[in-house]
Amino acid sequence: MKTQKVAIITAASRGIGAACAERLAEDGYKLVLMSRSDDLYPLADRLDARPLKGSVTRIDDLERLVGLTYEKYGRIDTVVIGTGHAPKGDLLKLTDADWKEGLDLLLLPVIRLSRRIVPLMKSQRNGTFINISSFGAREPSLDFPVSSVLRAGLSSFTKMFASAHGADNIRMNNVLPGFINTYPADEQTVCSIPLLRQGTPEEVAGLVSYLASDQAAYVTGQDFLIDGGLTKSI
């Protein structure tokens, strides 16, 4: 009998998170979705998913998310961790509070969910984490200083996680979107993208679907750019 796979998706109410929910539902997953927005509820109804209103910055919300999922389904196969937008501003005018806000938003949710979920995945002998990061992890930008620094930190954590838990058959990878059309970019930005267009949430969700699948069973510790060729670094 084929095991029913279960996925957690955060920041799931709209944009990339909602597209990932749609795609993994099509792939046959049972879903538990978390977001701060009430838009979560109609999406969850449509996908027969379990909704939980909460924030990735709150430890108690993350604990409720893991507890609800395991209590309902008894397993967690895939965790798609989306977050939000970090503070922006002049590099040296950003305050300590700005940097701490970015840490709580972009890096600590991955670490906190890993602590709670890895023991469960070890008992299953498989599982995968997919972190929605940003192209700034590979090519830092003064337009997104906090995000660039902390996304690079997430890439480093992901490498270490892969080394620590590969033997447990638990994988972690990062998806690095460029300019996605949920937030329209100006003409100058679009013209700087080799494909001359923004990406779509559905295209990002397609990559997430692959990384969650058995086809990616030998893929871990990697950053996957999906930016229309924008990033030039090698």
C-alpha atoms as a PDB file:
ATOM      1  CA  MET A   1       0.000   0.000   0.000  1.00  0.00           C
ATOM      2  CA  LYS A   2       1.362   3.379  -1.021  1.00  0.00           C
ATOM      3  CA  THR A   3       2.066   5.765   1.868  1.00  0.00           C
ATOM      4  CA  GLN A   4       0.072   8.998   1.865  1.00  0.00           C
ATOM      5  CA  LYS A   5       2.588  11.843   1.789  1.00  0.00           C
ATOM      6  CA  VAL A   6       2.114  14.929   3.965  1.00  0.00           C
ATOM      7  CA  ALA A   7       3.506  18.432   3.445  1.00  0.00           C
ATOM      8  CA  ILE A   8       3.686  21.581   5.550  1.00  0.00           C
ATOM      9  CA  ILE A   9       3.796  24.907   3.690  1.00  0.00           C
ATOM     10  CA  THR A  10       4.322  28.257   5.402  1.00  0.00           C
ATOM     11  CA  ALA A  11       3.488  31.683   3.952  1.00  0.00           C
ATOM     12  CA  ALA A  12       0.900  29.705   2.039  1.00  0.00           C
ATOM     13  CA  SER A  13      -1.975  32.125   1.515  1.00  0.00           C
ATOM     14  CA  ARG A  14      -0.819  33.777  -1.710  1.00  0.00           C
ATOM     15  CA  GLY A  15       1.969  34.072  -4.269  1.00  0.00           C
ATOM     16  CA  ILE A  16       4.639  31.389  -4.285  1.00  0.00           C
ATOM     17  CA  GLY A  17       3.300  29.688  -1.164  1.00  0.00           C
ATOM     18  CA  ALA A  18      -0.198  29.322  -2.569  1.00  0.00           C
ATOM     19  CA  ALA A  19       1.186  28.071  -5.896  1.00  0.00           C
ATOM     20  CA  CYS A  20       3.253  25.463  -4.036  1.00  0.00           C
ATOM     21  CA  ALA A  21       0.123  24.371  -2.161  1.00  0.00           C
ATOM     22  CA  GLU A  22      -1.788  24.006  -5.429  1.00  0.00           C
ATOM     23  CA  ARG A  23       1.012  22.003  -7.032  1.00  0.00           C
ATOM     24  CA  LEU A  24       1.658  19.652  -4.112  1.00  0.00           C
ATOM     25  CA  ALA A  25      -2.086  19.039  -3.797  1.00  0.00           C
ATOM     26  CA  GLU A  26      -2.033  18.000  -7.474  1.00  0.00           C
ATOM     27  CA  ASP A  27       0.921  15.734  -6.639  1.00  0.00           C
ATOM     28  CA  GLY A  28      -1.257  13.949  -4.100  1.00  0.00           C
ATOM     29  CA  TYR A  29      -0.012  15.419  -0.818  1.00  0.00           C
ATOM     30  CA  LYS A  30      -2.138  16.023   2.245  1.00  0.00           C
ATOM     31  CA  LEU A  31      -1.397  19.606   3.257  1.00  0.00           C
ATOM     32  CA  VAL A  32      -1.161  21.686   6.398  1.00  0.00           C
ATOM     33  CA  LEU A  33      -0.891  25.378   5.505  1.00  0.00           C
ATOM     34  CA  MET A  34       0.180  28.301   7.680  1.00  0.00           C
ATOM     35  CA  SER A  35      -0.061  32.037   7.051  1.00  0.00           C
ATOM     36  CA  ARG A  36      -0.772  35.265   8.910  1.00  0.00           C
ATOM     37  CA  SER A  37      -3.515  36.130   6.402  1.00  0.00           C
ATOM     38  CA  ASP A  38      -7.172  35.125   6.402  1.00  0.00           C
ATOM     39  CA  ASP A  39      -6.725  34.407   2.666  1.00  0.00           C
ATOM     40  CA  LEU A  40      -5.453  31.066   3.930  1.00  0.00           C
ATOM     41  CA  TYR A  41      -8.925  29.730   4.678  1.00  0.00           C
ATOM     42  CA  PRO A  42     -10.546  29.703   1.221  1.00  0.00           C
ATOM     43  CA  LEU A  43      -7.373  28.180  -0.250  1.00  0.00           C
ATOM     44  CA  ALA A  44      -7.358  25.460   2.396  1.00  0.00           C
ATOM     45  CA  ASP A  45     -11.051  24.734   1.778  1.00  0.00           C
ATOM     46  CA  ARG A  46     -10.434  24.383  -1.949  1.00  0.00           C
ATOM     47  CA  LEU A  47      -7.457  22.044  -1.485  1.00  0.00           C
ATOM     48  CA  ASP A  48      -8.933  20.041   1.407  1.00  0.00           C
ATOM     49  CA  ALA A  49      -5.985  21.224   3.502  1.00  0.00           C
ATOM     50  CA  ARG A  50      -5.685  21.966   7.207  1.00  0.00           C
ATOM     51  CA  PRO A  51      -5.197  25.726   7.835  1.00  0.00           C
ATOM     52  CA  LEU A  52      -3.372  27.302  10.758  1.00  0.00           C
ATOM     53  CA  LYS A  53      -3.178  31.059  11.170  1.00  0.00           C
ATOM     54  CA  GLY A  54       0.225  31.998  12.540  1.00  0.00           C
ATOM     55  CA  SER A  55       3.644  33.502  11.921  1.00  0.00           C
ATOM     56  CA  VAL A  56       6.977  31.821  11.235  1.00  0.00           C
ATOM     57  CA  THR A  57       8.564  34.336  13.623  1.00  0.00           C
ATOM     58  CA  ARG A  58       6.665  32.917  16.629  1.00  0.00           C
ATOM     59  CA  ILE A  59       8.036  29.777  18.251  1.00  0.00           C
ATOM     60  CA  ASP A  60       4.655  28.795  19.680  1.00  0.00           C
ATOM     61  CA  ASP A  61       3.037  29.028  16.237  1.00  0.00           C
ATOM     62  CA  LEU A  62       5.708  26.757  14.754  1.00  0.00           C
ATOM     63  CA  GLU A  63       5.189  24.277  17.565  1.00  0.00           C
ATOM     64  CA  ARG A  64       1.425  24.324  16.958  1.00  0.00           C
ATOM     65  CA  LEU A  65       2.049  23.756  13.251  1.00  0.00           C
ATOM     66  CA  VAL A  66       4.202  20.679  13.807  1.00  0.00           C
ATOM     67  CA  GLY A  67       1.911  19.334  16.514  1.00  0.00           C
ATOM     68  CA  LEU A  68      -1.236  19.748  14.415  1.00  0.00           C
ATOM     69  CA  THR A  69       0.338  18.019  11.421  1.00  0.00           C
ATOM     70  CA  TYR A  70       1.722  15.060  13.318  1.00  0.00           C
ATOM     71  CA  GLU A  71      -1.426  14.615  15.385  1.00  0.00           C
ATOM     72  CA  LYS A  72      -3.582  14.617  12.245  1.00  0.00           C
ATOM     73  CA  TYR A  73      -1.418  12.535   9.900  1.00  0.00           C
ATOM     74  CA  GLY A  74       1.293  10.807  11.963  1.00  0.00           C
ATOM     75  CA  ARG A  75       4.075  11.809   9.568  1.00  0.00           C
ATOM     76  CA  ILE A  76       5.686  14.788   7.804  1.00  0.00           C
ATOM     77  CA  ASP A  77       7.337  14.165   4.438  1.00  0.00           C
ATOM     78  CA  THR A  78       7.967  17.625   3.004  1.00  0.00           C
ATOM     79  CA  VAL A  79       8.337  21.070   4.550  1.00  0.00           C
ATOM     80  CA  VAL A  80       8.215  24.100   2.258  1.00  0.00           C
ATOM     81  CA  ILE A  81       9.354  27.121   4.251  1.00  0.00           C
ATOM     82  CA  GLY A  82       8.389  30.489   2.857  1.00  0.00           C
ATOM     83  CA  THR A  83       8.704  33.622   4.937  1.00  0.00           C
ATOM     84  CA  GLY A  84       8.291  37.285   4.055  1.00  0.00           C
ATOM     85  CA  HIS A  85      10.225  40.418   3.244  1.00  0.00           C
ATOM     86  CA  ALA A  86      13.084  41.607   5.432  1.00  0.00           C
ATOM     87  CA  PRO A  87      13.688  45.271   6.304  1.00  0.00           C
ATOM     88  CA  LYS A  88      15.346  47.367   3.609  1.00  0.00           C
ATOM     89  CA  GLY A  89      17.426  50.515   3.840  1.00  0.00           C
ATOM     90  CA  ASP A  90      20.919  51.984   3.659  1.00  0.00           C
ATOM     91  CA  LEU A  91      23.468  49.329   4.621  1.00  0.00           C
ATOM     92  CA  LEU A  92      24.911  51.195   7.609  1.00  0.00           C
ATOM     93  CA  LYS A  93      21.697  52.898   8.661  1.00  0.00           C
ATOM     94  CA  LEU A  94      19.851  49.658   9.306  1.00  0.00           C
ATOM     95  CA  THR A  95      19.430  49.227  13.051  1.00  0.00           C
ATOM     96  CA  ASP A  96      20.185  46.238  15.240  1.00  0.00           C
ATOM     97  CA  ALA A  97      16.415  45.741  15.444  1.00  0.00           C
ATOM     98  CA  ASP A  98      16.236  45.559  11.625  1.00  0.00           C
ATOM     99  CA  TRP A  99      18.900  42.859  11.502  1.00  0.00           C
ATOM    100  CA  LYS A 100      17.266  40.908  14.337  1.00  0.00           C
ATOM    101  CA  GLU A 101      13.888  41.133  12.584  1.00  0.00           C
ATOM    102  CA  GLY A 102      15.501  39.678   9.472  1.00  0.00           C
ATOM    103  CA  LEU A 103      17.090  36.872  11.481  1.00  0.00           C
ATOM    104  CA  ASP A 104      13.744  35.964  13.062  1.00  0.00           C
ATOM    105  CA  LEU A 105      12.061  35.997   9.661  1.00  0.00           C
ATOM    106  CA  LEU A 106      14.529  34.481   7.205  1.00  0.00           C
ATOM    107  CA  LEU A 107      16.856  32.090   9.037  1.00  0.00           C
ATOM    108  CA  LEU A 108      15.538  31.066  12.452  1.00  0.00           C
ATOM    109  CA  PRO A 109      12.250  29.567  11.139  1.00  0.00           C
ATOM    110  CA  VAL A 110      14.240  27.003   9.149  1.00  0.00           C
ATOM    111  CA  ILE A 111      16.413  26.148  12.144  1.00  0.00           C
ATOM    112  CA  ARG A 112      13.452  25.955  14.524  1.00  0.00           C
ATOM    113  CA  LEU A 113      11.345  23.768  12.251  1.00  0.00           C
ATOM    114  CA  SER A 114      14.350  21.534  11.582  1.00  0.00           C
ATOM    115  CA  ARG A 115      14.851  20.951  15.309  1.00  0.00           C
ATOM    116  CA  ARG A 116      11.243  19.879  15.727  1.00  0.00           C
ATOM    117  CA  ILE A 117      10.711  17.869  12.557  1.00  0.00           C
ATOM    118  CA  VAL A 118      14.011  16.050  11.956  1.00  0.00           C
ATOM    119  CA  PRO A 119      13.401  13.556  14.827  1.00  0.00           C
ATOM    120  CA  LEU A 120      10.058  12.665  13.225  1.00  0.00           C
ATOM    121  CA  MET A 121      11.640  12.264   9.797  1.00  0.00           C
ATOM    122  CA  LYS A 122      14.380  10.082  11.268  1.00  0.00           C
ATOM    123  CA  SER A 123      11.740   7.611  12.418  1.00  0.00           C
ATOM    124  CA  GLN A 124      10.402   7.529   8.821  1.00  0.00           C
ATOM    125  CA  ARG A 125      13.914   7.297   7.334  1.00  0.00           C
ATOM    126  CA  ASN A 126      13.097  10.018   4.842  1.00  0.00           C
ATOM    127  CA  GLY A 127      11.985  13.616   4.456  1.00  0.00           C
ATOM    128  CA  THR A 128      12.818  16.836   2.685  1.00  0.00           C
ATOM    129  CA  PHE A 129      12.963  20.542   3.501  1.00  0.00           C
ATOM    130  CA  ILE A 130      12.637  23.114   0.699  1.00  0.00           C
ATOM    131  CA  ASN A 131      13.402  26.690   1.672  1.00  0.00           C
ATOM    132  CA  ILE A 132      12.112  29.561  -0.452  1.00  0.00           C
ATOM    133  CA  SER A 133      15.116  31.866  -0.465  1.00  0.00           C
ATOM    134  CA  SER A 134      16.177  34.560  -2.984  1.00  0.00           C
ATOM    135  CA  PHE A 135      18.680  35.172  -5.759  1.00  0.00           C
ATOM    136  CA  GLY A 136      20.345  37.601  -3.306  1.00  0.00           C
ATOM    137  CA  ALA A 137      21.869  34.590  -1.570  1.00  0.00           C
ATOM    138  CA  ARG A 138      24.068  34.150  -4.630  1.00  0.00           C
ATOM    139  CA  GLU A 139      24.407  37.762  -5.793  1.00  0.00           C
ATOM    140  CA  PRO A 140      24.051  40.268  -2.919  1.00  0.00           C
ATOM    141  CA  SER A 141      22.251  43.520  -3.609  1.00  0.00           C
ATOM    142  CA  LEU A 142      22.336  46.843  -1.781  1.00  0.00           C
ATOM    143  CA  ASP A 143      18.619  47.076  -2.544  1.00  0.00           C
ATOM    144  CA  PHE A 144      18.050  44.047  -0.264  1.00  0.00           C
ATOM    145  CA  PRO A 145      20.898  44.102   2.286  1.00  0.00           C
ATOM    146  CA  VAL A 146      19.332  42.193   5.187  1.00  0.00           C
ATOM    147  CA  SER A 147      17.878  39.577   2.864  1.00  0.00           C
ATOM    148  CA  SER A 148      21.158  39.154   0.969  1.00  0.00           C
ATOM    149  CA  VAL A 149      23.189  38.558   4.118  1.00  0.00           C
ATOM    150  CA  LEU A 150      20.741  36.216   5.831  1.00  0.00           C
ATOM    151  CA  ARG A 151      19.834  34.266   2.686  1.00  0.00           C
ATOM    152  CA  ALA A 152      23.561  33.586   2.245  1.00  0.00           C
ATOM    153  CA  GLY A 153      23.560  32.364   5.852  1.00  0.00           C
ATOM    154  CA  LEU A 154      20.653  30.061   5.005  1.00  0.00           C
ATOM    155  CA  SER A 155      22.679  28.610   2.128  1.00  0.00           C
ATOM    156  CA  SER A 156      25.495  27.858   4.562  1.00  0.00           C
ATOM    157  CA  PHE A 157      23.098  26.252   7.061  1.00  0.00           C
ATOM    158  CA  THR A 158      21.636  24.122   4.269  1.00  0.00           C
ATOM    159  CA  LYS A 159      25.081  22.787   3.345  1.00  0.00           C
ATOM    160  CA  MET A 160      25.731  21.832   6.969  1.00  0.00           C
ATOM    161  CA  PHE A 161      22.269  20.294   7.338  1.00  0.00           C
ATOM    162  CA  ALA A 162      22.884  18.115   4.274  1.00  0.00           C
ATOM    163  CA  SER A 163      26.152  16.871   5.781  1.00  0.00           C
ATOM    164  CA  ALA A 164      24.562  16.237   9.178  1.00  0.00           C
ATOM    165  CA  HIS A 165      21.425  14.437   8.010  1.00  0.00           C
ATOM    166  CA  GLY A 166      22.180  12.877   4.646  1.00  0.00           C
ATOM    167  CA  ALA A 167      22.767   9.540   6.363  1.00  0.00           C
ATOM    168  CA  ASP A 168      19.214   9.788   7.749  1.00  0.00           C
ATOM    169  CA  ASN A 169      17.878  10.196   4.184  1.00  0.00           C
ATOM    170  CA  ILE A 170      16.667  13.706   5.051  1.00  0.00           C
ATOM    171  CA  ARG A 171      17.334  16.312   2.400  1.00  0.00           C
ATOM    172  CA  MET A 172      17.345  20.127   2.402  1.00  0.00           C
ATOM    173  CA  ASN A 173      17.564  22.448  -0.606  1.00  0.00           C
ATOM    174  CA  ASN A 174      16.947  26.125  -1.304  1.00  0.00           C
ATOM    175  CA  VAL A 175      14.965  27.658  -4.149  1.00  0.00           C
ATOM    176  CA  LEU A 176      16.269  31.096  -5.147  1.00  0.00           C
ATOM    177  CA  PRO A 177      13.627  33.030  -7.114  1.00  0.00           C
ATOM    178  CA  GLY A 178      14.392  36.214  -8.969  1.00  0.00           C
ATOM    179  CA  PHE A 179      11.703  38.775  -9.725  1.00  0.00           C
ATOM    180  CA  ILE A 180       8.363  36.960  -9.582  1.00  0.00           C
ATOM    181  CA  ASN A 181       5.270  38.693 -10.938  1.00  0.00           C
ATOM    182  CA  THR A 182       3.378  38.677  -7.652  1.00  0.00           C
ATOM    183  CA  TYR A 183       5.285  41.957  -7.118  1.00  0.00           C
ATOM    184  CA  PRO A 184       5.462  43.853 -10.432  1.00  0.00           C
ATOM    185  CA  ALA A 185       8.942  45.086 -11.356  1.00  0.00           C
ATOM    186  CA  ASP A 186       9.700  48.286 -13.244  1.00  0.00           C
ATOM    187  CA  GLU A 187      10.665  48.279 -16.901  1.00  0.00           C
ATOM    188  CA  GLN A 188      14.375  48.753 -16.200  1.00  0.00           C
ATOM    189  CA  THR A 189      14.443  45.703 -13.964  1.00  0.00           C
ATOM    190  CA  VAL A 190      12.549  43.557 -16.462  1.00  0.00           C
ATOM    191  CA  CYS A 191      14.933  44.624 -19.239  1.00  0.00           C
ATOM    192  CA  SER A 192      17.870  43.458 -17.096  1.00  0.00           C
ATOM    193  CA  ILE A 193      16.506  39.895 -17.046  1.00  0.00           C
ATOM    194  CA  PRO A 194      17.811  37.832 -20.006  1.00  0.00           C
ATOM    195  CA  LEU A 195      14.387  36.262 -20.570  1.00  0.00           C
ATOM    196  CA  LEU A 196      12.860  39.780 -20.561  1.00  0.00           C
ATOM    197  CA  ARG A 197      10.030  38.870 -18.206  1.00  0.00           C
ATOM    198  CA  GLN A 198       9.289  38.131 -14.592  1.00  0.00           C
ATOM    199  CA  GLY A 199       8.753  34.595 -13.419  1.00  0.00           C
ATOM    200  CA  THR A 200       5.484  33.172 -12.176  1.00  0.00           C
ATOM    201  CA  PRO A 201       4.671  31.507  -8.846  1.00  0.00           C
ATOM    202  CA  GLU A 202       3.658  28.406 -10.787  1.00  0.00           C
ATOM    203  CA  GLU A 203       7.141  28.114 -12.289  1.00  0.00           C
ATOM    204  CA  VAL A 204       8.665  28.244  -8.810  1.00  0.00           C
ATOM    205  CA  ALA A 205       6.135  25.676  -7.604  1.00  0.00           C
ATOM    206  CA  GLY A 206       7.192  23.341 -10.419  1.00  0.00           C
ATOM    207  CA  LEU A 207      10.764  23.384  -9.122  1.00  0.00           C
ATOM    208  CA  VAL A 208       9.534  22.798  -5.566  1.00  0.00           C
ATOM    209  CA  SER A 209       7.489  19.841  -6.805  1.00  0.00           C
ATOM    210  CA  TYR A 210      10.580  18.297  -8.366  1.00  0.00           C
ATOM    211  CA  LEU A 211      12.698  18.787  -5.229  1.00  0.00           C
ATOM    212  CA  ALA A 212       9.972  17.194  -3.108  1.00  0.00           C
ATOM    213  CA  SER A 213       9.716  14.176  -5.400  1.00  0.00           C
ATOM    214  CA  ASP A 214      11.588  10.896  -5.490  1.00  0.00           C
ATOM    215  CA  GLN A 215      13.163  12.083  -8.751  1.00  0.00           C
ATOM    216  CA  ALA A 216      15.300  14.420  -6.594  1.00  0.00           C
ATOM    217  CA  ALA A 217      16.274  11.687  -4.111  1.00  0.00           C
ATOM    218  CA  TYR A 218      19.993  12.313  -4.772  1.00  0.00           C
ATOM    219  CA  VAL A 219      19.750  16.113  -4.490  1.00  0.00           C
ATOM    220  CA  THR A 220      20.565  17.832  -1.202  1.00  0.00           C
ATOM    221  CA  GLY A 221      22.425  20.863   0.141  1.00  0.00           C
ATOM    222  CA  GLN A 222      21.931  22.878  -3.052  1.00  0.00           C
ATOM    223  CA  ASP A 223      20.765  26.340  -4.113  1.00  0.00           C
ATOM    224  CA  PHE A 224      18.534  26.387  -7.205  1.00  0.00           C
ATOM    225  CA  LEU A 225      18.279  29.705  -9.022  1.00  0.00           C
ATOM    226  CA  ILE A 226      15.042  30.372 -10.876  1.00  0.00           C
ATOM    227  CA  ASP A 227      15.566  33.947 -12.037  1.00  0.00           C
ATOM    228  CA  GLY A 228      15.372  34.047 -15.832  1.00  0.00           C
ATOM    229  CA  GLY A 229      19.174  34.260 -16.092  1.00  0.00           C
ATOM    230  CA  LEU A 230      19.423  37.413 -13.953  1.00  0.00           C
ATOM    231  CA  THR A 231      22.232  36.173 -11.704  1.00  0.00           C
ATOM    232  CA  LYS A 232      25.618  36.370 -13.412  1.00  0.00           C
ATOM    233  CA  SER A 233      27.871  34.926 -10.689  1.00  0.00           C
ATOM    234  CA  ILE A 234      29.423  31.503 -11.189  1.00  0.00           C
END
